[in-house]
Protein backbone atom coordinates (compact mmCIF):
# COMPACT_ATOMS: atom_id res chain seq x y z
CA UNK A 1 0.09 -0.09 -0.15
CA UNK A 2 1.72 3.08 -1.14
CA UNK A 3 2.01 6.64 0.47
CA UNK A 4 -0.18 7.84 -2.31
CA UNK A 5 -3.11 5.00 -1.94
CA UNK A 6 -3.18 6.17 1.71
CA UNK A 7 -3.22 9.93 1.46
CA UNK A 8 -6.01 9.39 -1.19
CA UNK A 9 -7.85 7.14 1.32
CA UNK A 10 -7.79 9.80 4.21
CA UNK A 11 -8.72 12.39 1.62
CA UNK A 12 -11.75 10.50 0.74
CA UNK A 13 -12.58 9.85 4.32
CA UNK A 14 -12.17 13.52 5.12
CA UNK A 15 -14.72 14.46 2.14
CA UNK A 16 -17.19 11.84 3.35
CA UNK A 17 -16.84 13.58 6.97
CA UNK A 18 -18.06 16.82 5.60
CA UNK A 19 -21.18 15.18 4.47
CA UNK A 20 -21.82 13.71 8.10
CA UNK A 21 -23.88 15.11 10.97
CA UNK A 22 -21.79 15.81 14.26
CA UNK A 23 -23.68 13.12 15.97
CA UNK A 24 -22.96 10.34 13.03
CA UNK A 25 -18.96 10.77 13.55
CA UNK A 26 -18.53 8.96 16.83
CA UNK A 27 -19.53 5.40 18.22
CA UNK A 28 -18.57 3.14 21.46
CA UNK A 29 -16.39 -0.20 21.20
CA UNK A 30 -15.79 -1.80 24.43
CA UNK A 31 -17.21 1.35 26.44
CA UNK A 32 -14.60 3.56 24.47
CA UNK A 33 -15.61 6.59 22.27
CA UNK A 34 -13.87 6.41 18.76
CA UNK A 35 -14.17 8.32 15.43
CA UNK A 36 -15.91 6.41 12.83
CA UNK A 37 -14.43 7.91 9.87
CA UNK A 38 -11.05 7.07 10.53
CA UNK A 39 -11.27 3.70 12.93
CA UNK A 40 -14.68 1.89 12.39
CA UNK A 41 -15.37 -1.18 14.09
CA UNK A 42 -14.13 -3.27 11.38
CA UNK A 43 -10.61 -1.37 11.73
CA UNK A 44 -10.58 -2.29 15.70
CA UNK A 45 -11.85 -5.91 15.18
CA UNK A 46 -8.79 -6.36 12.42
CA UNK A 47 -6.48 -5.85 15.27
CA UNK A 48 -7.04 -9.29 16.26
CA UNK A 49 -5.00 -10.14 13.22
CA UNK A 50 -2.05 -8.12 13.57
CA UNK A 51 1.13 -9.87 14.43
CA UNK A 52 3.96 -7.84 16.12
CA UNK A 53 7.48 -8.46 16.04
CA UNK A 54 10.07 -7.90 18.52
CA UNK A 55 12.03 -5.35 16.32
CA UNK A 56 9.13 -3.26 15.53
CA UNK A 57 9.25 0.41 16.60
CA UNK A 58 6.10 1.21 18.53
CA UNK A 59 5.08 4.97 19.18
CA UNK A 60 2.19 5.28 21.77
CA UNK A 61 0.40 8.71 22.67
CA UNK A 62 -2.91 9.85 24.35
CA UNK A 63 -4.51 12.26 21.50
CA UNK A 64 -2.69 15.38 21.03
CA UNK A 65 0.27 14.65 23.49
CA UNK A 66 2.67 15.03 20.52
CA UNK A 67 2.49 12.04 18.32
CA UNK A 68 2.71 13.17 15.14
CA UNK A 69 5.70 15.39 15.93
CA UNK A 70 7.18 12.31 17.27
CA UNK A 71 6.37 10.39 14.18
CA UNK A 72 8.62 13.16 12.39
CA UNK A 73 11.30 12.62 14.69
CA UNK A 74 11.44 8.72 14.54
CA UNK A 75 11.25 8.97 10.79
CA UNK A 76 14.17 10.93 10.98
CA UNK A 77 16.13 8.89 13.29
CA UNK A 78 15.36 5.57 11.45
CA UNK A 79 16.35 6.95 8.20
CA UNK A 80 19.94 8.14 9.81
CA UNK A 81 20.49 4.95 11.74
CA UNK A 82 19.23 2.48 9.06
CA UNK A 83 18.93 4.07 5.87
CA UNK A 84 15.54 3.26 5.47
CA UNK A 85 13.15 5.90 4.56
CA UNK A 86 9.51 5.94 5.71
CA UNK A 87 7.64 8.40 3.33
CA UNK A 88 4.12 7.46 4.11
CA UNK A 89 1.94 10.75 4.80
CA UNK A 90 -0.34 8.98 6.63
CA UNK A 91 0.22 8.57 10.68
CA UNK A 92 1.15 4.55 11.52
CA UNK A 93 -1.89 4.30 13.68
CA UNK A 94 -2.76 0.61 13.52
CA UNK A 95 -6.51 1.52 14.47
CA UNK A 96 -6.54 3.55 11.10
CA UNK A 97 -5.47 0.73 9.12
CA UNK A 98 -8.32 -1.55 8.77
CA UNK A 99 -8.28 -5.33 7.59
CA UNK A 100 -6.53 -4.50 4.35
CA UNK A 101 -3.82 -2.52 6.04
CA UNK A 102 -3.12 -4.90 8.76
CA UNK A 103 -2.57 -7.58 5.89
CA UNK A 104 -0.06 -5.32 4.36
CA UNK A 105 1.77 -4.52 7.59
CA UNK A 106 1.68 -8.04 8.23
CA UNK A 107 3.82 -8.64 5.15
CA UNK A 108 6.08 -5.38 5.44
CA UNK A 109 9.85 -6.05 5.74
CA UNK A 110 11.44 -4.76 9.18
CA UNK A 111 11.81 -2.32 10.71
CA UNK A 112 8.10 -1.56 10.63
CA UNK A 113 7.35 1.86 12.30
CA UNK A 114 3.84 1.68 14.07
CA UNK A 115 1.76 3.54 16.49
CA UNK A 116 -1.30 4.10 18.71
CA UNK A 117 -3.66 6.18 20.64
CA UNK A 118 -5.14 3.02 22.28
CA UNK A 119 -5.38 2.44 26.25
CA UNK A 120 -2.39 -0.03 26.97
CA UNK A 121 -4.91 -2.55 28.17
CA UNK A 122 -6.40 -2.53 24.54
CA UNK A 123 -3.18 -2.57 22.46
CA UNK A 124 -3.15 -6.20 20.79
CA UNK A 125 -1.47 -8.56 23.25
CA UNK A 126 0.74 -9.76 20.50
CA UNK A 127 2.93 -6.77 21.20
CA UNK A 128 3.26 -7.64 24.71
CA UNK A 129 3.88 -11.27 23.88
CA UNK A 130 6.64 -10.29 21.42
CA UNK A 131 8.23 -7.56 23.65
CA UNK A 132 7.89 -5.11 21.53
CA UNK A 133 9.57 -1.99 22.40
CA UNK A 134 7.03 0.88 23.15
CA UNK A 135 7.96 4.62 23.69
CA UNK A 136 5.11 6.27 25.34
CA UNK A 137 4.52 10.24 25.00
CA UNK A 138 2.75 12.30 27.59
CA UNK A 139 1.91 15.95 27.74
CA UNK A 140 0.62 17.95 30.55
CA UNK A 141 -3.19 17.51 30.98
CA UNK A 142 -3.87 21.03 30.60
CA UNK A 143 -2.23 21.54 27.24
CA UNK A 144 -3.57 18.43 25.93
CA UNK A 145 -7.14 19.49 26.57
CA UNK A 146 -6.73 22.70 24.97
CA UNK A 147 -4.76 21.05 21.70
CA UNK A 148 -7.76 18.47 21.71
CA UNK A 149 -10.44 20.91 21.86
CA UNK A 150 -8.81 22.84 18.96
CA UNK A 151 -8.08 19.59 16.78
CA UNK A 152 -11.96 18.61 17.19
CA UNK A 153 -13.01 22.08 15.78
CA UNK A 154 -10.24 22.02 12.86
CA UNK A 155 -10.61 18.22 12.01
CA UNK A 156 -13.75 17.49 9.66
CA UNK A 157 -13.74 13.67 10.82
CA UNK A 158 -14.42 14.94 14.64
CA UNK A 159 -17.56 16.57 15.54
CA UNK A 160 -17.44 20.13 16.40
CA UNK A 161 -17.31 21.27 20.21
CA UNK A 162 -17.76 24.08 22.74
CA UNK A 163 -15.19 25.01 25.22
CA UNK A 164 -17.24 24.57 28.35
CA UNK A 165 -18.91 21.34 27.07
CA UNK A 166 -15.71 19.83 25.87
CA UNK A 167 -13.95 20.62 29.14
CA UNK A 168 -16.59 18.52 31.00
CA UNK A 169 -16.32 15.98 28.48
CA UNK A 170 -12.53 15.44 29.24
CA UNK A 171 -12.45 15.55 32.56
CA UNK A 172 -15.01 12.86 32.92
CA UNK A 173 -13.01 10.73 30.19
CA UNK A 174 -16.00 10.93 27.59
CA UNK A 175 -13.91 11.83 24.50
CA UNK A 176 -12.11 9.81 21.73
CA UNK A 177 -9.74 7.01 22.97
CA UNK A 178 -11.16 7.61 27.02
CA UNK A 179 -9.91 9.25 29.80
CA UNK A 180 -6.48 10.85 30.10
CA UNK A 181 -5.99 10.00 33.71
CA UNK A 182 -6.87 6.35 32.94
CA UNK A 183 -4.57 5.87 30.12
CA UNK A 184 -1.95 7.62 32.88
CA UNK A 185 -2.65 5.37 35.63
CA UNK A 186 -2.09 2.32 33.22
CA UNK A 187 1.16 3.52 32.14
CA UNK A 188 2.44 4.20 35.72
CA UNK A 189 2.03 0.55 35.78
CA UNK A 190 4.33 -0.37 33.35
CA UNK A 191 7.00 2.07 34.23
CA UNK A 192 9.20 -0.48 35.28
CA UNK A 193 9.12 -2.49 32.18
CA UNK A 194 12.29 -2.31 30.58
CA UNK A 195 10.58 -2.37 27.14
CA UNK A 196 8.50 0.76 27.84
CA UNK A 197 9.79 4.12 27.80
CA UNK A 198 7.91 7.36 28.93
CA UNK A 199 8.90 10.73 27.64
CA UNK A 200 7.17 14.07 27.81
CA UNK A 201 6.21 16.42 25.19
CA UNK A 202 7.70 19.31 27.57
CA UNK A 203 10.98 17.55 28.03
CA UNK A 204 11.49 17.34 24.15
CA UNK A 205 10.41 20.59 23.80
CA UNK A 206 13.18 21.98 26.48
CA UNK A 207 15.99 19.70 25.20
CA UNK A 208 15.35 18.18 21.67
CA UNK A 209 18.96 16.90 21.34
CA UNK A 210 19.04 14.85 24.48
CA UNK A 211 15.57 13.36 23.60
CA UNK A 212 16.56 12.27 20.46
CA UNK A 213 19.57 10.68 22.11
CA UNK A 214 17.28 9.11 24.63
CA UNK A 215 14.99 7.58 21.91
CA UNK A 216 17.70 6.50 19.54
CA UNK A 217 19.32 4.52 22.52
CA UNK A 218 16.20 2.96 23.50
CA UNK A 219 15.60 1.62 20.40
CA UNK A 220 19.44 0.53 19.50
CA UNK A 221 19.51 3.04 16.87
CA UNK A 222 23.20 4.26 16.68
CA UNK A 223 23.59 7.96 15.87
CA UNK A 224 26.77 10.53 15.50
CA UNK A 225 26.63 13.73 17.20
CA UNK A 226 26.27 15.56 13.72
CA UNK A 227 23.40 13.26 13.04
CA UNK A 228 21.47 14.05 16.25
CA UNK A 229 21.85 17.79 15.74
CA UNK A 230 20.83 17.48 12.04
CA UNK A 231 17.72 15.84 13.10
CA UNK A 232 17.30 18.40 16.16
CA UNK A 233 17.34 21.05 13.55
CA UNK A 234 14.91 19.70 11.22
CA UNK A 235 12.42 18.43 14.07
CA UNK A 236 11.49 21.49 15.60
CA UNK A 237 7.76 22.17 15.56
CA UNK A 238 8.25 25.28 13.61
CA UNK A 239 10.44 23.49 10.93
CA UNK A 240 7.87 20.48 11.19
CA UNK A 241 4.52 22.81 10.65
CA UNK A 242 6.64 24.56 7.83
CA UNK A 243 6.87 21.09 6.02
CA UNK A 244 3.40 19.83 7.26
CA UNK A 245 1.94 20.18 3.75
CA UNK A 246 4.28 17.80 2.40
CA UNK A 247 4.23 15.59 5.35
CA UNK A 248 0.70 15.63 5.99
CA UNK A 249 -1.12 16.71 3.21
CA UNK A 250 -4.70 17.80 3.67
CA UNK A 251 -4.89 17.17 7.64
CA UNK A 252 -1.54 19.54 8.11
CA UNK A 253 -3.48 22.63 9.40
CA UNK A 254 -5.37 20.51 11.64
CA UNK A 255 -2.43 18.58 13.20
CA UNK A 256 0.01 21.05 13.57
CA UNK A 257 -1.53 24.21 15.21
CA UNK A 258 0.91 26.06 17.74
CA UNK A 259 2.86 23.43 19.55
CA UNK A 260 3.48 25.87 22.77
CA UNK A 261 3.86 24.88 26.27
CA UNK A 262 1.35 26.65 28.41
CA UNK A 263 -1.42 27.89 25.75
CA UNK A 264 -3.90 26.37 28.51
CA UNK A 265 -3.71 29.83 30.32
CA UNK A 266 -5.50 31.50 27.26
CA UNK A 267 -8.52 28.96 27.90
CA UNK A 268 -9.00 27.88 31.48
CA UNK A 269 -11.01 29.86 33.38
CA UNK A 270 -9.77 29.95 37.14
CA UNK A 271 -12.34 27.50 38.10
CA UNK A 272 -11.58 25.05 35.48
CA UNK A 273 -7.64 25.41 36.17
CA UNK A 274 -8.68 24.48 40.01
CA UNK A 275 -11.10 21.43 38.78
CA UNK A 276 -8.20 19.92 36.82
CA UNK A 277 -5.70 20.63 39.71
CA UNK A 278 -7.72 18.68 41.93
CA UNK A 279 -8.14 15.92 39.50
CA UNK A 280 -4.57 15.50 39.10
CA UNK A 281 -3.99 15.89 42.86
CA UNK A 282 -6.45 13.02 43.53
CA UNK A 283 -5.12 10.51 41.08
CA UNK A 284 -1.59 11.44 39.68
CA UNK A 285 0.15 13.14 42.55
CA UNK A 286 2.62 10.95 44.26
CA UNK A 287 3.18 8.40 41.22
CA UNK A 288 6.20 8.70 38.99
CA UNK A 289 4.44 9.46 35.77
CA UNK A 290 2.97 12.59 37.72
CA UNK A 291 6.44 13.52 38.48
CA UNK A 292 7.62 13.09 35.31
CA UNK A 293 4.77 15.37 34.06
CA UNK A 294 6.23 18.22 36.21
CA UNK A 295 2.84 19.46 36.86
CA UNK A 296 3.82 22.25 39.19
CA UNK A 297 6.15 24.15 36.79
CA UNK A 298 3.54 23.63 33.60
CA UNK A 299 0.21 23.45 34.78
CA UNK A 300 0.49 25.97 37.98
């Protein structure tokens, strides 16, 4: 399945979504909300047929935590370390692939670059059985919520939302791919797994070179310092946004918006900020992942 075919598929789905009513764009599978246009039920059922490999490169992120940015970084790491160019304009989300896409992936040569927004309990068991390495990227919950809000209103495959109602939905976990808190708590349990590495959007923004070294080391990709520097220069949010029309086609503007840390301050009311603080303190304060998110620094 070529890059052009994938792009045409995405373009077709977007055109289809523009003809749909908002209430037709979502459905539940195993109690979790999903966008029907990009990952209909047949896609999620097809995940039972995917066959993982130990050398797969798996990127996992809750929606709007920096997934597409890290896709760009990982493609450059793989290219520099192996010479393999991954040019597909479609995000490597396994839940977007469908039955035909899964068949293609199962036949594809290694290294395969895959990704998902799925809760870790819903990631196909084959990846745990094969001990596939998983890179998990998180972002502070306030900026995640803001980015998710704008994404819904700029992406025609998702229903448009109003700020106050979306805030309530996010806080209750009634958004696509489920609750941020539940995802975080589930990954907290896997932090001792040597095949799971959790990084944060904020740390990558603060020191991209160090992040590239950390990620490439985790996947056993050997890079020189000059390669690290070159990847970093081409992987800043600004650089990737400027190149997004080539890399992401028709969905570029929806995916790459601001990329800022702290934009939540332009959206949250004082009451909403306190409500998020209370939820974080209740569920994630004192956890290792909670400490990694540096909530006090980025969310207060």
